[in-house]
């Protein structure tokens, strides 16, 4: 059971994570287990972020193969292992529908994370991205779940267009990220740009 001291420490981590984002750029490395989390903190990093691939590979599984319960255990272990904020690579929220995303985000918040990201990739080869309308509803549901919790957890919305081989990844990423911002994402992320000009265009938009 969490004590009031634990709750105060967690609130401080979440406040610090938001402050780091508001203050400029910082490096956030990816531990894959308790040992690497503690070592990265020892090196002086100010925050950590889980990696879905690292979590899965640690167990001999393919990326995205850890499942919801396995991921929640992983998040709790890493959140408890260090004194600095932890962001969760929460994949696609472990649900297709918005209500399922909201339920699972609430469970993730209870592990002690300071932030989490939700992807718009489906994991299906025949349709690698959620339709924009559903993708927006999923981010909106995550936002509402965080707000209901009163936790202050930071929400990052990810546009996976570059990674899934979209025919026009730059413009589609921009369109999606703008839509995610409009429904309350705190941070926006489009992994995989190929050059400086693409990065600059995303930031400018």
C-alpha atoms as a PDB file:
ATOM      1  CA  UNK A   1       0.000   0.000   0.000  1.00  0.00           C
ATOM      2  CA  UNK A   2       1.351   3.448  -0.898  1.00  0.00           C
ATOM      3  CA  UNK A   3       2.002   5.792   2.004  1.00  0.00           C
ATOM      4  CA  UNK A   4       1.527   9.549   1.990  1.00  0.00           C
ATOM      5  CA  UNK A   5       5.307   9.871   1.580  1.00  0.00           C
ATOM      6  CA  UNK A   6       5.188   7.612  -1.472  1.00  0.00           C
ATOM      7  CA  UNK A   7       2.352   9.674  -2.915  1.00  0.00           C
ATOM      8  CA  UNK A   8       4.270  12.908  -2.325  1.00  0.00           C
ATOM      9  CA  UNK A   9       7.343  11.443  -4.014  1.00  0.00           C
ATOM     10  CA  UNK A  10       5.273  10.335  -7.003  1.00  0.00           C
ATOM     11  CA  UNK A  11       3.629  13.743  -7.302  1.00  0.00           C
ATOM     12  CA  UNK A  12       7.085  15.332  -7.241  1.00  0.00           C
ATOM     13  CA  UNK A  13       8.290  13.017 -10.026  1.00  0.00           C
ATOM     14  CA  UNK A  14       5.308  13.923 -12.186  1.00  0.00           C
ATOM     15  CA  UNK A  15       5.730  17.635 -11.552  1.00  0.00           C
ATOM     16  CA  UNK A  16       9.430  17.396 -12.383  1.00  0.00           C
ATOM     17  CA  UNK A  17       8.711  15.528 -15.625  1.00  0.00           C
ATOM     18  CA  UNK A  18       6.382  18.290 -16.752  1.00  0.00           C
ATOM     19  CA  UNK A  19       8.938  20.934 -15.730  1.00  0.00           C
ATOM     20  CA  UNK A  20      11.634  19.204 -17.788  1.00  0.00           C
ATOM     21  CA  UNK A  21       9.416  19.323 -20.878  1.00  0.00           C
ATOM     22  CA  UNK A  22       8.560  22.964 -20.357  1.00  0.00           C
ATOM     23  CA  UNK A  23      12.189  24.008 -19.803  1.00  0.00           C
ATOM     24  CA  UNK A  24      13.630  22.834 -23.133  1.00  0.00           C
ATOM     25  CA  UNK A  25      15.357  19.765 -24.582  1.00  0.00           C
ATOM     26  CA  UNK A  26      16.742  16.950 -22.459  1.00  0.00           C
ATOM     27  CA  UNK A  27      18.004  13.426 -23.097  1.00  0.00           C
ATOM     28  CA  UNK A  28      15.770  10.571 -21.968  1.00  0.00           C
ATOM     29  CA  UNK A  29      17.340   7.106 -22.277  1.00  0.00           C
ATOM     30  CA  UNK A  30      15.586   3.732 -22.444  1.00  0.00           C
ATOM     31  CA  UNK A  31      16.222   1.204 -19.648  1.00  0.00           C
ATOM     32  CA  UNK A  32      14.968  -2.307 -20.262  1.00  0.00           C
ATOM     33  CA  UNK A  33      15.113  -3.654 -16.694  1.00  0.00           C
ATOM     34  CA  UNK A  34      15.621  -2.595 -13.070  1.00  0.00           C
ATOM     35  CA  UNK A  35      19.399  -2.757 -13.280  1.00  0.00           C
ATOM     36  CA  UNK A  36      19.672  -0.555 -16.358  1.00  0.00           C
ATOM     37  CA  UNK A  37      17.168   1.914 -14.850  1.00  0.00           C
ATOM     38  CA  UNK A  38      19.254   2.305 -11.716  1.00  0.00           C
ATOM     39  CA  UNK A  39      22.480   2.569 -13.701  1.00  0.00           C
ATOM     40  CA  UNK A  40      21.084   5.288 -15.995  1.00  0.00           C
ATOM     41  CA  UNK A  41      19.929   7.251 -12.974  1.00  0.00           C
ATOM     42  CA  UNK A  42      23.430   6.843 -11.497  1.00  0.00           C
ATOM     43  CA  UNK A  43      24.885   8.351 -14.689  1.00  0.00           C
ATOM     44  CA  UNK A  44      22.906  11.525 -14.045  1.00  0.00           C
ATOM     45  CA  UNK A  45      19.973  11.358 -16.442  1.00  0.00           C
ATOM     46  CA  UNK A  46      16.966  13.372 -15.270  1.00  0.00           C
ATOM     47  CA  UNK A  47      14.232  11.029 -16.528  1.00  0.00           C
ATOM     48  CA  UNK A  48      13.805   7.591 -18.081  1.00  0.00           C
ATOM     49  CA  UNK A  49      11.516   6.098 -20.721  1.00  0.00           C
ATOM     50  CA  UNK A  50      10.614   2.449 -21.139  1.00  0.00           C
ATOM     51  CA  UNK A  51      11.036   0.693 -24.455  1.00  0.00           C
ATOM     52  CA  UNK A  52       8.411  -1.790 -25.591  1.00  0.00           C
ATOM     53  CA  UNK A  53      10.974  -3.720 -27.626  1.00  0.00           C
ATOM     54  CA  UNK A  54      13.431  -3.884 -24.734  1.00  0.00           C
ATOM     55  CA  UNK A  55      10.729  -5.051 -22.348  1.00  0.00           C
ATOM     56  CA  UNK A  56       9.692  -7.796 -24.769  1.00  0.00           C
ATOM     57  CA  UNK A  57      13.196  -8.901 -25.756  1.00  0.00           C
ATOM     58  CA  UNK A  58      14.142  -9.227 -22.086  1.00  0.00           C
ATOM     59  CA  UNK A  59      11.544 -12.024 -21.929  1.00  0.00           C
ATOM     60  CA  UNK A  60      12.485 -13.552 -25.283  1.00  0.00           C
ATOM     61  CA  UNK A  61       9.397 -12.124 -26.994  1.00  0.00           C
ATOM     62  CA  UNK A  62       8.945 -10.100 -30.169  1.00  0.00           C
ATOM     63  CA  UNK A  63       8.303  -6.366 -29.888  1.00  0.00           C
ATOM     64  CA  UNK A  64       4.670  -5.731 -28.902  1.00  0.00           C
ATOM     65  CA  UNK A  65       4.479  -9.280 -27.549  1.00  0.00           C
ATOM     66  CA  UNK A  66       4.515  -8.578 -23.823  1.00  0.00           C
ATOM     67  CA  UNK A  67       0.767  -7.997 -23.402  1.00  0.00           C
ATOM     68  CA  UNK A  68      -1.044  -5.632 -21.072  1.00  0.00           C
ATOM     69  CA  UNK A  69      -0.446  -7.409 -17.756  1.00  0.00           C
ATOM     70  CA  UNK A  70       3.198  -8.000 -18.578  1.00  0.00           C
ATOM     71  CA  UNK A  71       3.613  -4.351 -19.471  1.00  0.00           C
ATOM     72  CA  UNK A  72       1.941  -3.139 -16.290  1.00  0.00           C
ATOM     73  CA  UNK A  73       4.293  -5.292 -14.217  1.00  0.00           C
ATOM     74  CA  UNK A  74       7.265  -3.965 -16.170  1.00  0.00           C
ATOM     75  CA  UNK A  75       6.186  -0.355 -15.651  1.00  0.00           C
ATOM     76  CA  UNK A  76       5.685  -0.870 -11.927  1.00  0.00           C
ATOM     77  CA  UNK A  77       9.103  -2.497 -11.542  1.00  0.00           C
ATOM     78  CA  UNK A  78      10.905   0.323 -13.345  1.00  0.00           C
ATOM     79  CA  UNK A  79       8.907   3.096 -11.669  1.00  0.00           C
ATOM     80  CA  UNK A  80       9.819   1.647  -8.270  1.00  0.00           C
ATOM     81  CA  UNK A  81      13.470   1.146  -9.224  1.00  0.00           C
ATOM     82  CA  UNK A  82      14.536   4.784  -9.497  1.00  0.00           C
ATOM     83  CA  UNK A  83      13.938   8.198  -7.980  1.00  0.00           C
ATOM     84  CA  UNK A  84      13.456  10.012 -11.289  1.00  0.00           C
ATOM     85  CA  UNK A  85      10.395  10.293 -13.582  1.00  0.00           C
ATOM     86  CA  UNK A  86       9.532   7.382 -15.845  1.00  0.00           C
ATOM     87  CA  UNK A  87       7.700   7.682 -19.167  1.00  0.00           C
ATOM     88  CA  UNK A  88       5.883   4.591 -20.433  1.00  0.00           C
ATOM     89  CA  UNK A  89       6.036   3.371 -24.006  1.00  0.00           C
ATOM     90  CA  UNK A  90       2.448   2.181 -23.764  1.00  0.00           C
ATOM     91  CA  UNK A  91       2.298   0.991 -27.378  1.00  0.00           C
ATOM     92  CA  UNK A  92      -1.227   1.405 -28.799  1.00  0.00           C
ATOM     93  CA  UNK A  93      -2.843   1.358 -25.368  1.00  0.00           C
ATOM     94  CA  UNK A  94      -3.460  -2.404 -25.641  1.00  0.00           C
ATOM     95  CA  UNK A  95      -6.918  -1.784 -27.105  1.00  0.00           C
ATOM     96  CA  UNK A  96      -8.411  -0.753 -30.431  1.00  0.00           C
ATOM     97  CA  UNK A  97     -11.405   1.142 -29.082  1.00  0.00           C
ATOM     98  CA  UNK A  98     -11.275   4.421 -27.190  1.00  0.00           C
ATOM     99  CA  UNK A  99     -12.987   3.021 -24.092  1.00  0.00           C
ATOM    100  CA  UNK A 100     -10.422   0.240 -23.855  1.00  0.00           C
ATOM    101  CA  UNK A 101      -7.577   2.729 -24.173  1.00  0.00           C
ATOM    102  CA  UNK A 102      -9.048   4.801 -21.341  1.00  0.00           C
ATOM    103  CA  UNK A 103      -9.357   1.758 -19.081  1.00  0.00           C
ATOM    104  CA  UNK A 104      -5.787   0.663 -19.745  1.00  0.00           C
ATOM    105  CA  UNK A 105      -4.326   4.147 -19.365  1.00  0.00           C
ATOM    106  CA  UNK A 106      -5.939   4.289 -15.917  1.00  0.00           C
ATOM    107  CA  UNK A 107      -4.209   1.014 -15.040  1.00  0.00           C
ATOM    108  CA  UNK A 108      -0.887   2.362 -16.316  1.00  0.00           C
ATOM    109  CA  UNK A 109      -1.206   5.504 -14.189  1.00  0.00           C
ATOM    110  CA  UNK A 110      -1.540   3.293 -11.101  1.00  0.00           C
ATOM    111  CA  UNK A 111       1.935   1.792 -11.721  1.00  0.00           C
ATOM    112  CA  UNK A 112       3.668   5.056 -10.760  1.00  0.00           C
ATOM    113  CA  UNK A 113       4.658   6.412 -14.172  1.00  0.00           C
ATOM    114  CA  UNK A 114       5.095  10.136 -14.813  1.00  0.00           C
ATOM    115  CA  UNK A 115       4.073  10.039 -18.476  1.00  0.00           C
ATOM    116  CA  UNK A 116       2.968   7.712 -21.240  1.00  0.00           C
ATOM    117  CA  UNK A 117       2.736   7.603 -25.011  1.00  0.00           C
ATOM    118  CA  UNK A 118      -0.050   6.229 -27.185  1.00  0.00           C
ATOM    119  CA  UNK A 119       0.648   5.167 -30.776  1.00  0.00           C
ATOM    120  CA  UNK A 120      -1.720   5.269 -33.739  1.00  0.00           C
ATOM    121  CA  UNK A 121      -0.330   2.068 -35.260  1.00  0.00           C
ATOM    122  CA  UNK A 122      -2.533  -1.010 -35.236  1.00  0.00           C
ATOM    123  CA  UNK A 123       0.112  -3.713 -35.526  1.00  0.00           C
ATOM    124  CA  UNK A 124      -1.708  -5.120 -38.553  1.00  0.00           C
ATOM    125  CA  UNK A 125       0.028  -5.373 -41.913  1.00  0.00           C
ATOM    126  CA  UNK A 126      -3.183  -4.907 -43.904  1.00  0.00           C
ATOM    127  CA  UNK A 127      -4.063  -1.650 -42.111  1.00  0.00           C
ATOM    128  CA  UNK A 128      -1.073  -0.335 -40.167  1.00  0.00           C
ATOM    129  CA  UNK A 129      -2.657   2.922 -38.930  1.00  0.00           C
ATOM    130  CA  UNK A 130      -5.979   3.589 -37.242  1.00  0.00           C
ATOM    131  CA  UNK A 131      -8.305   5.803 -39.283  1.00  0.00           C
ATOM    132  CA  UNK A 132      -7.756   9.388 -38.225  1.00  0.00           C
ATOM    133  CA  UNK A 133     -11.153   9.793 -36.565  1.00  0.00           C
ATOM    134  CA  UNK A 134     -10.620   6.719 -34.379  1.00  0.00           C
ATOM    135  CA  UNK A 135      -7.009   7.674 -33.682  1.00  0.00           C
ATOM    136  CA  UNK A 136      -8.178  11.068 -32.416  1.00  0.00           C
ATOM    137  CA  UNK A 137     -10.856   9.470 -30.228  1.00  0.00           C
ATOM    138  CA  UNK A 138      -8.220   7.198 -28.714  1.00  0.00           C
ATOM    139  CA  UNK A 139      -6.003  10.150 -27.740  1.00  0.00           C
ATOM    140  CA  UNK A 140      -9.031  12.031 -26.427  1.00  0.00           C
ATOM    141  CA  UNK A 141      -9.961   9.024 -24.281  1.00  0.00           C
ATOM    142  CA  UNK A 142      -6.433   8.814 -22.888  1.00  0.00           C
ATOM    143  CA  UNK A 143      -6.572  12.531 -22.070  1.00  0.00           C
ATOM    144  CA  UNK A 144      -9.873  12.139 -20.260  1.00  0.00           C
ATOM    145  CA  UNK A 145      -8.607   9.148 -18.278  1.00  0.00           C
ATOM    146  CA  UNK A 146      -5.578  11.133 -17.109  1.00  0.00           C
ATOM    147  CA  UNK A 147      -7.726  14.118 -16.196  1.00  0.00           C
ATOM    148  CA  UNK A 148     -10.131  11.930 -14.204  1.00  0.00           C
ATOM    149  CA  UNK A 149      -7.201  10.480 -12.279  1.00  0.00           C
ATOM    150  CA  UNK A 150      -5.946  13.911 -11.221  1.00  0.00           C
ATOM    151  CA  UNK A 151      -2.436  12.481 -11.534  1.00  0.00           C
ATOM    152  CA  UNK A 152      -0.825  15.042 -13.824  1.00  0.00           C
ATOM    153  CA  UNK A 153       0.652  12.253 -15.969  1.00  0.00           C
ATOM    154  CA  UNK A 154       2.052  13.667 -19.222  1.00  0.00           C
ATOM    155  CA  UNK A 155       0.405  12.400 -22.433  1.00  0.00           C
ATOM    156  CA  UNK A 156       2.439  11.953 -25.605  1.00  0.00           C
ATOM    157  CA  UNK A 157       0.602  11.181 -28.863  1.00  0.00           C
ATOM    158  CA  UNK A 158       2.610   9.359 -31.512  1.00  0.00           C
ATOM    159  CA  UNK A 159       2.075   9.407 -35.280  1.00  0.00           C
ATOM    160  CA  UNK A 160       3.705   6.255 -36.652  1.00  0.00           C
ATOM    161  CA  UNK A 161       3.463   7.171 -40.344  1.00  0.00           C
ATOM    162  CA  UNK A 162       7.192   7.011 -41.069  1.00  0.00           C
ATOM    163  CA  UNK A 163       7.615   3.680 -39.307  1.00  0.00           C
ATOM    164  CA  UNK A 164       4.756   1.897 -41.079  1.00  0.00           C
ATOM    165  CA  UNK A 165       5.727   3.053 -44.590  1.00  0.00           C
ATOM    166  CA  UNK A 166       2.899   5.513 -45.291  1.00  0.00           C
ATOM    167  CA  UNK A 167       2.981   6.903 -48.840  1.00  0.00           C
ATOM    168  CA  UNK A 168       3.160  10.514 -47.595  1.00  0.00           C
ATOM    169  CA  UNK A 169       4.536  10.191 -44.077  1.00  0.00           C
ATOM    170  CA  UNK A 170       5.497  13.825 -43.536  1.00  0.00           C
ATOM    171  CA  UNK A 171       2.156  15.436 -44.351  1.00  0.00           C
ATOM    172  CA  UNK A 172       0.155  12.643 -42.751  1.00  0.00           C
ATOM    173  CA  UNK A 173       2.211  12.898 -39.571  1.00  0.00           C
ATOM    174  CA  UNK A 174       1.665  16.648 -39.393  1.00  0.00           C
ATOM    175  CA  UNK A 175      -2.076  16.279 -39.949  1.00  0.00           C
ATOM    176  CA  UNK A 176      -2.350  13.641 -37.255  1.00  0.00           C
ATOM    177  CA  UNK A 177      -0.182  15.413 -34.695  1.00  0.00           C
ATOM    178  CA  UNK A 178      -2.157  18.624 -35.094  1.00  0.00           C
ATOM    179  CA  UNK A 179      -5.379  16.670 -34.535  1.00  0.00           C
ATOM    180  CA  UNK A 180      -3.936  14.992 -31.436  1.00  0.00           C
ATOM    181  CA  UNK A 181      -2.847  18.346 -30.015  1.00  0.00           C
ATOM    182  CA  UNK A 182      -6.378  19.671 -30.510  1.00  0.00           C
ATOM    183  CA  UNK A 183      -7.805  16.972 -28.196  1.00  0.00           C
ATOM    184  CA  UNK A 184      -5.288  17.456 -25.421  1.00  0.00           C
ATOM    185  CA  UNK A 185      -1.988  15.682 -26.074  1.00  0.00           C
ATOM    186  CA  UNK A 186       0.750  17.361 -24.031  1.00  0.00           C
ATOM    187  CA  UNK A 187       3.568  16.196 -26.318  1.00  0.00           C
ATOM    188  CA  UNK A 188       3.703  15.134 -29.951  1.00  0.00           C
ATOM    189  CA  UNK A 189       6.057  12.594 -31.495  1.00  0.00           C
ATOM    190  CA  UNK A 190       6.557  11.356 -35.049  1.00  0.00           C
ATOM    191  CA  UNK A 191       9.367   8.790 -34.915  1.00  0.00           C
ATOM    192  CA  UNK A 192      11.389   8.061 -38.025  1.00  0.00           C
ATOM    193  CA  UNK A 193      11.938  11.268 -40.076  1.00  0.00           C
ATOM    194  CA  UNK A 194      14.763  10.720 -42.540  1.00  0.00           C
ATOM    195  CA  UNK A 195      16.407  14.126 -42.580  1.00  0.00           C
ATOM    196  CA  UNK A 196      16.721  17.539 -40.936  1.00  0.00           C
ATOM    197  CA  UNK A 197      14.209  19.196 -43.289  1.00  0.00           C
ATOM    198  CA  UNK A 198      11.480  16.745 -42.317  1.00  0.00           C
ATOM    199  CA  UNK A 199      12.147  17.318 -38.626  1.00  0.00           C
ATOM    200  CA  UNK A 200      12.073  21.088 -39.130  1.00  0.00           C
ATOM    201  CA  UNK A 201       8.765  20.883 -41.018  1.00  0.00           C
ATOM    202  CA  UNK A 202       7.163  18.853 -38.212  1.00  0.00           C
ATOM    203  CA  UNK A 203       8.396  21.248 -35.530  1.00  0.00           C
ATOM    204  CA  UNK A 204       7.278  24.303 -37.498  1.00  0.00           C
ATOM    205  CA  UNK A 205       3.790  22.837 -38.034  1.00  0.00           C
END
